[in-house]
Amino acid sequence: KVFAAGADIKEMQAMDHTAMVLRARALQDAFTAVARI
C-alpha cells in the first residue's frame, strides 16, 4: 500500500533548533548507510 510517506511530522514539530542540530547528522547517516550498502 505504501513505501513511506515521509518523516513523523508530529515528532519533528516538537523539536527545536538545538534538537535538530543534534539529530540531523544521525538522520543523514541512516540513509547514507543504505546508500553505501
PDB file of all heavy atoms in Angstrom:
ATOM      1  N   LYS A   1       0.798  -1.232   0.000  1.00  0.00           N
ATOM      2  CA  LYS A   1       0.000   0.000   0.000  1.00  0.00           C
ATOM      3  C   LYS A   1       0.828   1.278   0.000  1.00  0.00           C
ATOM      4  O   LYS A   1       0.421   2.278  -0.591  1.00  0.00           O
ATOM      5  CB  LYS A   1      -0.931   0.003   1.217  1.00  0.00           C
ATOM      6  CG  LYS A   1      -2.005  -1.078   1.162  1.00  0.00           C
ATOM      7  CD  LYS A   1      -2.950  -0.977   2.351  1.00  0.00           C
ATOM      8  CE  LYS A   1      -4.036  -2.044   2.275  1.00  0.00           C
ATOM      9  NZ  LYS A   1      -4.971  -1.958   3.433  1.00  0.00           N
ATOM     10  N   VAL A   2       1.976   1.266   0.665  1.00  0.00           N
ATOM     11  CA  VAL A   2       2.755   2.497   0.776  1.00  0.00           C
ATOM     12  C   VAL A   2       4.224   2.157   1.000  1.00  0.00           C
ATOM     13  O   VAL A   2       4.543   1.183   1.680  1.00  0.00           O
ATOM     14  CB  VAL A   2       2.230   3.385   1.923  1.00  0.00           C
ATOM     15  CG1 VAL A   2       2.352   2.682   3.264  1.00  0.00           C
ATOM     16  CG2 VAL A   2       2.926   4.734   1.961  1.00  0.00           C
ATOM     17  N   PHE A   3       5.093   2.937   0.389  1.00  0.00           N
ATOM     18  CA  PHE A   3       6.522   2.776   0.623  1.00  0.00           C
ATOM     19  C   PHE A   3       6.891   3.488   1.927  1.00  0.00           C
ATOM     20  O   PHE A   3       7.208   2.861   2.920  1.00  0.00           O
ATOM     21  CB  PHE A   3       7.306   3.341  -0.563  1.00  0.00           C
ATOM     22  CG  PHE A   3       8.786   3.100  -0.483  1.00  0.00           C
ATOM     23  CD1 PHE A   3       9.295   1.815  -0.602  1.00  0.00           C
ATOM     24  CD2 PHE A   3       9.672   4.152  -0.302  1.00  0.00           C
ATOM     25  CE1 PHE A   3      10.672   1.579  -0.532  1.00  0.00           C
ATOM     26  CE2 PHE A   3      11.041   3.934  -0.237  1.00  0.00           C
ATOM     27  CZ  PHE A   3      11.540   2.647  -0.346  1.00  0.00           C
ATOM     28  N   ALA A   4       6.808   4.806   1.927  1.00  0.00           N
ATOM     29  CA  ALA A   4       6.982   5.595   3.150  1.00  0.00           C
ATOM     30  C   ALA A   4       6.539   7.016   2.845  1.00  0.00           C
ATOM     31  O   ALA A   4       7.010   7.629   1.882  1.00  0.00           O
ATOM     32  CB  ALA A   4       8.422   5.578   3.633  1.00  0.00           C
ATOM     33  N   ALA A   5       5.620   7.516   3.651  1.00  0.00           N
ATOM     34  CA  ALA A   5       5.021   8.829   3.382  1.00  0.00           C
ATOM     35  C   ALA A   5       5.822   9.988   3.963  1.00  0.00           C
ATOM     36  O   ALA A   5       5.364  11.124   3.944  1.00  0.00           O
ATOM     37  CB  ALA A   5       3.593   8.880   3.909  1.00  0.00           C
ATOM     38  N   GLY A   6       7.005   9.704   4.491  1.00  0.00           N
ATOM     39  CA  GLY A   6       7.859  10.783   4.966  1.00  0.00           C
ATOM     40  C   GLY A   6       8.176  10.684   6.436  1.00  0.00           C
ATOM     41  O   GLY A   6       7.972   9.650   7.078  1.00  0.00           O
ATOM     42  N   ALA A   7       8.697  11.771   6.974  1.00  0.00           N
ATOM     43  CA  ALA A   7       9.064  11.812   8.384  1.00  0.00           C
ATOM     44  C   ALA A   7       7.818  11.868   9.262  1.00  0.00           C
ATOM     45  O   ALA A   7       6.707  12.097   8.794  1.00  0.00           O
ATOM     46  CB  ALA A   7       9.947  13.027   8.650  1.00  0.00           C
ATOM     47  N   ASP A   8       8.017  11.640  10.538  1.00  0.00           N
ATOM     48  CA  ASP A   8       6.935  11.770  11.521  1.00  0.00           C
ATOM     49  C   ASP A   8       6.835  13.248  11.877  1.00  0.00           C
ATOM     50  O   ASP A   8       7.615  13.776  12.672  1.00  0.00           O
ATOM     51  CB  ASP A   8       7.251  10.929  12.758  1.00  0.00           C
ATOM     52  CG  ASP A   8       6.087  10.858  13.728  1.00  0.00           C
ATOM     53  OD1 ASP A   8       5.432  11.893  13.935  1.00  0.00           O
ATOM     54  OD2 ASP A   8       5.848   9.775  14.296  1.00  0.00           O
ATOM     55  N   ILE A   9       5.871  13.939  11.259  1.00  0.00           N
ATOM     56  CA  ILE A   9       5.784  15.395  11.395  1.00  0.00           C
ATOM     57  C   ILE A   9       5.481  15.812  12.830  1.00  0.00           C
ATOM     58  O   ILE A   9       6.011  16.821  13.327  1.00  0.00           O
ATOM     59  CB  ILE A   9       4.731  15.973  10.433  1.00  0.00           C
ATOM     60  CG1 ILE A   9       5.068  15.579   8.986  1.00  0.00           C
ATOM     61  CG2 ILE A   9       4.669  17.493  10.548  1.00  0.00           C
ATOM     62  CD1 ILE A   9       6.421  16.016   8.508  1.00  0.00           C
ATOM     63  N   LYS A  10       4.650  15.061  13.519  1.00  0.00           N
ATOM     64  CA  LYS A  10       4.348  15.408  14.911  1.00  0.00           C
ATOM     65  C   LYS A  10       5.608  15.339  15.769  1.00  0.00           C
ATOM     66  O   LYS A  10       5.826  16.188  16.640  1.00  0.00           O
ATOM     67  CB  LYS A  10       3.268  14.479  15.460  1.00  0.00           C
ATOM     68  CG  LYS A  10       1.891  14.701  14.845  1.00  0.00           C
ATOM     69  CD  LYS A  10       0.848  13.788  15.488  1.00  0.00           C
ATOM     70  CE  LYS A  10      -0.528  14.039  14.890  1.00  0.00           C
ATOM     71  NZ  LYS A  10      -1.560  13.133  15.485  1.00  0.00           N
ATOM     72  N   GLU A  11       6.428  14.340  15.529  1.00  0.00           N
ATOM     73  CA  GLU A  11       7.682  14.224  16.266  1.00  0.00           C
ATOM     74  C   GLU A  11       8.605  15.390  15.930  1.00  0.00           C
ATOM     75  O   GLU A  11       9.238  15.982  16.821  1.00  0.00           O
ATOM     76  CB  GLU A  11       8.357  12.903  15.918  1.00  0.00           C
ATOM     77  CG  GLU A  11       9.651  12.631  16.659  1.00  0.00           C
ATOM     78  CD  GLU A  11      10.286  11.307  16.254  1.00  0.00           C
ATOM     79  OE1 GLU A  11      10.716  11.201  15.085  1.00  0.00           O
ATOM     80  OE2 GLU A  11      10.344  10.402  17.100  1.00  0.00           O
ATOM     81  N   MET A  12       8.677  15.752  14.665  1.00  0.00           N
ATOM     82  CA  MET A  12       9.539  16.858  14.243  1.00  0.00           C
ATOM     83  C   MET A  12       9.044  18.198  14.773  1.00  0.00           C
ATOM     84  O   MET A  12       9.843  19.078  15.115  1.00  0.00           O
ATOM     85  CB  MET A  12       9.634  16.898  12.712  1.00  0.00           C
ATOM     86  CG  MET A  12      10.454  15.771  12.112  1.00  0.00           C
ATOM     87  SD  MET A  12      10.529  15.865  10.307  1.00  0.00           S
ATOM     88  CE  MET A  12      11.355  17.426  10.076  1.00  0.00           C
ATOM     89  N   GLN A  13       7.738  18.361  14.821  1.00  0.00           N
ATOM     90  CA  GLN A  13       7.167  19.638  15.286  1.00  0.00           C
ATOM     91  C   GLN A  13       7.599  19.955  16.720  1.00  0.00           C
ATOM     92  O   GLN A  13       7.763  21.110  17.089  1.00  0.00           O
ATOM     93  CB  GLN A  13       5.640  19.594  15.201  1.00  0.00           C
ATOM     94  CG  GLN A  13       4.966  20.926  15.529  1.00  0.00           C
ATOM     95  CD  GLN A  13       3.453  20.836  15.450  1.00  0.00           C
ATOM     96  OE1 GLN A  13       2.885  19.758  15.546  1.00  0.00           O
ATOM     97  NE2 GLN A  13       2.796  21.968  15.265  1.00  0.00           N
ATOM     98  N   ALA A  14       7.805  18.919  17.502  1.00  0.00           N
ATOM     99  CA  ALA A  14       8.184  19.115  18.905  1.00  0.00           C
ATOM    100  C   ALA A  14       9.668  19.428  19.075  1.00  0.00           C
ATOM    101  O   ALA A  14      10.118  19.724  20.189  1.00  0.00           O
ATOM    102  CB  ALA A  14       7.829  17.868  19.705  1.00  0.00           C
ATOM    103  N   MET A  15      10.442  19.365  17.994  1.00  0.00           N
ATOM    104  CA  MET A  15      11.886  19.585  18.073  1.00  0.00           C
ATOM    105  C   MET A  15      12.235  21.036  17.771  1.00  0.00           C
ATOM    106  O   MET A  15      11.696  21.631  16.834  1.00  0.00           O
ATOM    107  CB  MET A  15      12.616  18.657  17.098  1.00  0.00           C
ATOM    108  CG  MET A  15      12.365  17.186  17.350  1.00  0.00           C
ATOM    109  SD  MET A  15      13.110  16.089  16.109  1.00  0.00           S
ATOM    110  CE  MET A  15      14.855  16.230  16.550  1.00  0.00           C
ATOM    111  N   ASP A  16      13.137  21.605  18.565  1.00  0.00           N
ATOM    112  CA  ASP A  16      13.599  22.963  18.292  1.00  0.00           C
ATOM    113  C   ASP A  16      14.922  22.904  17.526  1.00  0.00           C
ATOM    114  O   ASP A  16      15.401  21.827  17.143  1.00  0.00           O
ATOM    115  CB  ASP A  16      13.748  23.767  19.585  1.00  0.00           C
ATOM    116  CG  ASP A  16      14.732  23.140  20.568  1.00  0.00           C
ATOM    117  OD1 ASP A  16      15.488  22.226  20.165  1.00  0.00           O
ATOM    118  OD2 ASP A  16      14.753  23.573  21.735  1.00  0.00           O
ATOM    119  N   HIS A  17      15.504  24.068  17.294  1.00  0.00           N
ATOM    120  CA  HIS A  17      16.725  24.143  16.501  1.00  0.00           C
ATOM    121  C   HIS A  17      17.842  23.310  17.117  1.00  0.00           C
ATOM    122  O   HIS A  17      18.533  22.542  16.422  1.00  0.00           O
ATOM    123  CB  HIS A  17      17.176  25.604  16.376  1.00  0.00           C
ATOM    124  CG  HIS A  17      18.520  25.765  15.751  1.00  0.00           C
ATOM    125  ND1 HIS A  17      19.648  26.118  16.477  1.00  0.00           N
ATOM    126  CD2 HIS A  17      18.945  25.597  14.471  1.00  0.00           C
ATOM    127  CE1 HIS A  17      20.688  26.177  15.669  1.00  0.00           C
ATOM    128  NE2 HIS A  17      20.298  25.874  14.448  1.00  0.00           N
ATOM    129  N   THR A  18      18.039  23.422  18.415  1.00  0.00           N
ATOM    130  CA  THR A  18      19.109  22.680  19.075  1.00  0.00           C
ATOM    131  C   THR A  18      18.914  21.179  18.917  1.00  0.00           C
ATOM    132  O   THR A  18      19.859  20.443  18.616  1.00  0.00           O
ATOM    133  CB  THR A  18      19.176  23.034  20.574  1.00  0.00           C
ATOM    134  OG1 THR A  18      19.414  24.442  20.706  1.00  0.00           O
ATOM    135  CG2 THR A  18      20.275  22.259  21.273  1.00  0.00           C
ATOM    136  N   ALA A  19      17.681  20.726  19.094  1.00  0.00           N
ATOM    137  CA  ALA A  19      17.399  19.294  18.976  1.00  0.00           C
ATOM    138  C   ALA A  19      17.697  18.791  17.568  1.00  0.00           C
ATOM    139  O   ALA A  19      18.256  17.696  17.394  1.00  0.00           O
ATOM    140  CB  ALA A  19      15.948  19.014  19.350  1.00  0.00           C
ATOM    141  N   MET A  20      17.358  19.588  16.548  1.00  0.00           N
ATOM    142  CA  MET A  20      17.598  19.135  15.180  1.00  0.00           C
ATOM    143  C   MET A  20      19.066  19.228  14.798  1.00  0.00           C
ATOM    144  O   MET A  20      19.559  18.402  14.019  1.00  0.00           O
ATOM    145  CB  MET A  20      16.735  19.922  14.187  1.00  0.00           C
ATOM    146  CG  MET A  20      16.793  19.362  12.774  1.00  0.00           C
ATOM    147  SD  MET A  20      16.520  17.547  12.663  1.00  0.00           S
ATOM    148  CE  MET A  20      14.740  17.458  12.901  1.00  0.00           C
ATOM    149  N   VAL A  21      19.782  20.198  15.358  1.00  0.00           N
ATOM    150  CA  VAL A  21      21.233  20.236  15.122  1.00  0.00           C
ATOM    151  C   VAL A  21      21.867  18.938  15.611  1.00  0.00           C
ATOM    152  O   VAL A  21      22.739  18.361  14.951  1.00  0.00           O
ATOM    153  CB  VAL A  21      21.867  21.447  15.838  1.00  0.00           C
ATOM    154  CG1 VAL A  21      23.393  21.308  15.872  1.00  0.00           C
ATOM    155  CG2 VAL A  21      21.480  22.739  15.133  1.00  0.00           C
ATOM    156  N   LEU A  22      21.399  18.443  16.737  1.00  0.00           N
ATOM    157  CA  LEU A  22      21.932  17.217  17.306  1.00  0.00           C
ATOM    158  C   LEU A  22      21.473  15.975  16.540  1.00  0.00           C
ATOM    159  O   LEU A  22      22.149  14.945  16.554  1.00  0.00           O
ATOM    160  CB  LEU A  22      21.525  17.089  18.779  1.00  0.00           C
ATOM    161  CG  LEU A  22      22.084  18.170  19.710  1.00  0.00           C
ATOM    162  CD1 LEU A  22      21.470  18.044  21.091  1.00  0.00           C
ATOM    163  CD2 LEU A  22      23.602  18.080  19.791  1.00  0.00           C
ATOM    164  N   ARG A  23      20.317  16.069  15.865  1.00  0.00           N
ATOM    165  CA  ARG A  23      19.725  14.907  15.191  1.00  0.00           C
ATOM    166  C   ARG A  23      20.045  14.828  13.708  1.00  0.00           C
ATOM    167  O   ARG A  23      20.054  13.739  13.124  1.00  0.00           O
ATOM    168  CB  ARG A  23      18.200  14.938  15.371  1.00  0.00           C
ATOM    169  CG  ARG A  23      17.455  13.767  14.739  1.00  0.00           C
ATOM    170  CD  ARG A  23      17.841  12.451  15.382  1.00  0.00           C
ATOM    171  NE  ARG A  23      17.590  11.320  14.492  1.00  0.00           N
ATOM    172  CZ  ARG A  23      17.981  10.081  14.732  1.00  0.00           C
ATOM    173  NH1 ARG A  23      18.619   9.787  15.845  1.00  0.00           N
ATOM    174  NH2 ARG A  23      17.742   9.114  13.875  1.00  0.00           N
ATOM    175  N   ALA A  24      20.296  15.956  13.054  1.00  0.00           N
ATOM    176  CA  ALA A  24      20.377  15.995  11.595  1.00  0.00           C
ATOM    177  C   ALA A  24      21.445  15.055  11.046  1.00  0.00           C
ATOM    178  O   ALA A  24      21.237  14.384  10.030  1.00  0.00           O
ATOM    179  CB  ALA A  24      20.635  17.424  11.117  1.00  0.00           C
ATOM    180  N   ARG A  25      22.593  14.960  11.702  1.00  0.00           N
ATOM    181  CA  ARG A  25      23.645  14.080  11.205  1.00  0.00           C
ATOM    182  C   ARG A  25      23.212  12.616  11.290  1.00  0.00           C
ATOM    183  O   ARG A  25      23.466  11.815  10.378  1.00  0.00           O
ATOM    184  CB  ARG A  25      24.941  14.303  11.982  1.00  0.00           C
ATOM    185  CG  ARG A  25      26.079  13.337  11.636  1.00  0.00           C
ATOM    186  CD  ARG A  25      26.444  13.408  10.152  1.00  0.00           C
ATOM    187  NE  ARG A  25      26.991  14.665   9.775  1.00  0.00           N
ATOM    188  CZ  ARG A  25      28.291  14.981   9.837  1.00  0.00           C
ATOM    189  NH1 ARG A  25      29.165  14.097  10.287  1.00  0.00           N
ATOM    190  NH2 ARG A  25      28.710  16.160   9.450  1.00  0.00           N
ATOM    191  N   ALA A  26      22.576  12.245  12.413  1.00  0.00           N
ATOM    192  CA  ALA A  26      22.112  10.859  12.556  1.00  0.00           C
ATOM    193  C   ALA A  26      21.067  10.522  11.501  1.00  0.00           C
ATOM    194  O   ALA A  26      21.028   9.399  10.984  1.00  0.00           O
ATOM    195  CB  ALA A  26      21.546  10.637  13.956  1.00  0.00           C
ATOM    196  N   LEU A  27      20.206  11.486  11.156  1.00  0.00           N
ATOM    197  CA  LEU A  27      19.218  11.291  10.101  1.00  0.00           C
ATOM    198  C   LEU A  27      19.910  10.980   8.781  1.00  0.00           C
ATOM    199  O   LEU A  27      19.601   9.998   8.108  1.00  0.00           O
ATOM    200  CB  LEU A  27      18.348  12.548   9.967  1.00  0.00           C
ATOM    201  CG  LEU A  27      17.472  12.658   8.716  1.00  0.00           C
ATOM    202  CD1 LEU A  27      16.428  11.552   8.682  1.00  0.00           C
ATOM    203  CD2 LEU A  27      16.813  14.045   8.655  1.00  0.00           C
ATOM    204  N   GLN A  28      20.869  11.817   8.410  1.00  0.00           N
ATOM    205  CA  GLN A  28      21.580  11.588   7.159  1.00  0.00           C
ATOM    206  C   GLN A  28      22.378  10.289   7.189  1.00  0.00           C
ATOM    207  O   GLN A  28      22.445   9.564   6.195  1.00  0.00           O
ATOM    208  CB  GLN A  28      22.495  12.770   6.852  1.00  0.00           C
ATOM    209  CG  GLN A  28      21.754  14.036   6.448  1.00  0.00           C
ATOM    210  CD  GLN A  28      22.694  15.122   5.974  1.00  0.00           C
ATOM    211  OE1 GLN A  28      23.905  15.069   6.205  1.00  0.00           O
ATOM    212  NE2 GLN A  28      22.151  16.124   5.301  1.00  0.00           N
ATOM    213  N   ASP A  29      22.976   9.997   8.347  1.00  0.00           N
ATOM    214  CA  ASP A  29      23.790   8.784   8.457  1.00  0.00           C
ATOM    215  C   ASP A  29      22.962   7.518   8.227  1.00  0.00           C
ATOM    216  O   ASP A  29      23.455   6.537   7.669  1.00  0.00           O
ATOM    217  CB  ASP A  29      24.459   8.714   9.835  1.00  0.00           C
ATOM    218  CG  ASP A  29      25.619   9.684   9.966  1.00  0.00           C
ATOM    219  OD1 ASP A  29      26.027  10.275   8.949  1.00  0.00           O
ATOM    220  OD2 ASP A  29      26.110   9.858  11.101  1.00  0.00           O
ATOM    221  N   ALA A  30      21.702   7.543   8.671  1.00  0.00           N
ATOM    222  CA  ALA A  30      20.839   6.384   8.473  1.00  0.00           C
ATOM    223  C   ALA A  30      20.628   6.110   6.989  1.00  0.00           C
ATOM    224  O   ALA A  30      20.715   4.960   6.525  1.00  0.00           O
ATOM    225  CB  ALA A  30      19.492   6.593   9.175  1.00  0.00           C
ATOM    226  N   PHE A  31      20.379   7.155   6.226  1.00  0.00           N
ATOM    227  CA  PHE A  31      20.133   6.996   4.795  1.00  0.00           C
ATOM    228  C   PHE A  31      21.437   6.694   4.050  1.00  0.00           C
ATOM    229  O   PHE A  31      21.457   5.900   3.109  1.00  0.00           O
ATOM    230  CB  PHE A  31      19.457   8.245   4.237  1.00  0.00           C
ATOM    231  CG  PHE A  31      18.005   8.355   4.613  1.00  0.00           C
ATOM    232  CD1 PHE A  31      17.629   8.574   5.932  1.00  0.00           C
ATOM    233  CD2 PHE A  31      17.017   8.216   3.665  1.00  0.00           C
ATOM    234  CE1 PHE A  31      16.286   8.661   6.291  1.00  0.00           C
ATOM    235  CE2 PHE A  31      15.665   8.304   4.000  1.00  0.00           C
ATOM    236  CZ  PHE A  31      15.307   8.517   5.323  1.00  0.00           C
ATOM    237  N   THR A  32      22.520   7.310   4.492  1.00  0.00           N
ATOM    238  CA  THR A  32      23.814   7.038   3.871  1.00  0.00           C
ATOM    239  C   THR A  32      24.217   5.589   4.069  1.00  0.00           C
ATOM    240  O   THR A  32      24.830   4.977   3.186  1.00  0.00           O
ATOM    241  CB  THR A  32      24.888   7.981   4.446  1.00  0.00           C
ATOM    242  OG1 THR A  32      24.538   9.339   4.116  1.00  0.00           O
ATOM    243  CG2 THR A  32      26.258   7.675   3.864  1.00  0.00           C
ATOM    244  N   ALA A  33      23.860   5.009   5.211  1.00  0.00           N
ATOM    245  CA  ALA A  33      24.161   3.595   5.449  1.00  0.00           C
ATOM    246  C   ALA A  33      23.483   2.714   4.411  1.00  0.00           C
ATOM    247  O   ALA A  33      24.045   1.704   3.964  1.00  0.00           O
ATOM    248  CB  ALA A  33      23.719   3.192   6.855  1.00  0.00           C
ATOM    249  N   VAL A  34      22.274   3.095   3.999  1.00  0.00           N
ATOM    250  CA  VAL A  34      21.574   2.353   2.953  1.00  0.00           C
ATOM    251  C   VAL A  34      22.256   2.574   1.600  1.00  0.00           C
ATOM    252  O   VAL A  34      22.517   1.626   0.851  1.00  0.00           O
ATOM    253  CB  VAL A  34      20.096   2.780   2.877  1.00  0.00           C
ATOM    254  CG1 VAL A  34      19.387   2.060   1.729  1.00  0.00           C
ATOM    255  CG2 VAL A  34      19.386   2.496   4.205  1.00  0.00           C
ATOM    256  N   ALA A  35      22.569   3.831   1.296  1.00  0.00           N
ATOM    257  CA  ALA A  35      23.198   4.152   0.013  1.00  0.00           C
ATOM    258  C   ALA A  35      24.550   3.473  -0.147  1.00  0.00           C
ATOM    259  O   ALA A  35      24.974   3.185  -1.269  1.00  0.00           O
ATOM    260  CB  ALA A  35      23.349   5.662  -0.129  1.00  0.00           C
ATOM    261  N   ARG A  36      25.215   3.198   0.965  1.00  0.00           N
ATOM    262  CA  ARG A  36      26.564   2.632   0.902  1.00  0.00           C
ATOM    263  C   ARG A  36      26.599   1.125   1.120  1.00  0.00           C
ATOM    264  O   ARG A  36      27.680   0.565   1.299  1.00  0.00           O
ATOM    265  CB  ARG A  36      27.468   3.362   1.898  1.00  0.00           C
ATOM    266  CG  ARG A  36      27.732   4.807   1.467  1.00  0.00           C
ATOM    267  CD  ARG A  36      28.719   5.511   2.347  1.00  0.00           C
ATOM    268  NE  ARG A  36      28.974   6.869   1.843  1.00  0.00           N
ATOM    269  CZ  ARG A  36      29.634   7.817   2.511  1.00  0.00           C
ATOM    270  NH1 ARG A  36      30.118   7.548   3.713  1.00  0.00           N
ATOM    271  NH2 ARG A  36      29.808   9.014   1.984  1.00  0.00           N
ATOM    272  N   ILE A  37      25.458   0.487   1.129  1.00  0.00           N
ATOM    273  CA  ILE A  37      25.480  -0.978   1.116  1.00  0.00           C
ATOM    274  C   ILE A  37      26.239  -1.399  -0.144  1.00  0.00           C
ATOM    275  O   ILE A  37      25.838  -1.037  -1.255  1.00  0.00           O
ATOM    276  CB  ILE A  37      24.052  -1.557   1.102  1.00  0.00           C
ATOM    277  CG1 ILE A  37      23.317  -1.227   2.410  1.00  0.00           C
ATOM    278  CG2 ILE A  37      24.084  -3.068   0.885  1.00  0.00           C
ATOM    279  CD1 ILE A  37      21.844  -1.595   2.404  1.00  0.00           C
TER     280      ILE A  37
END
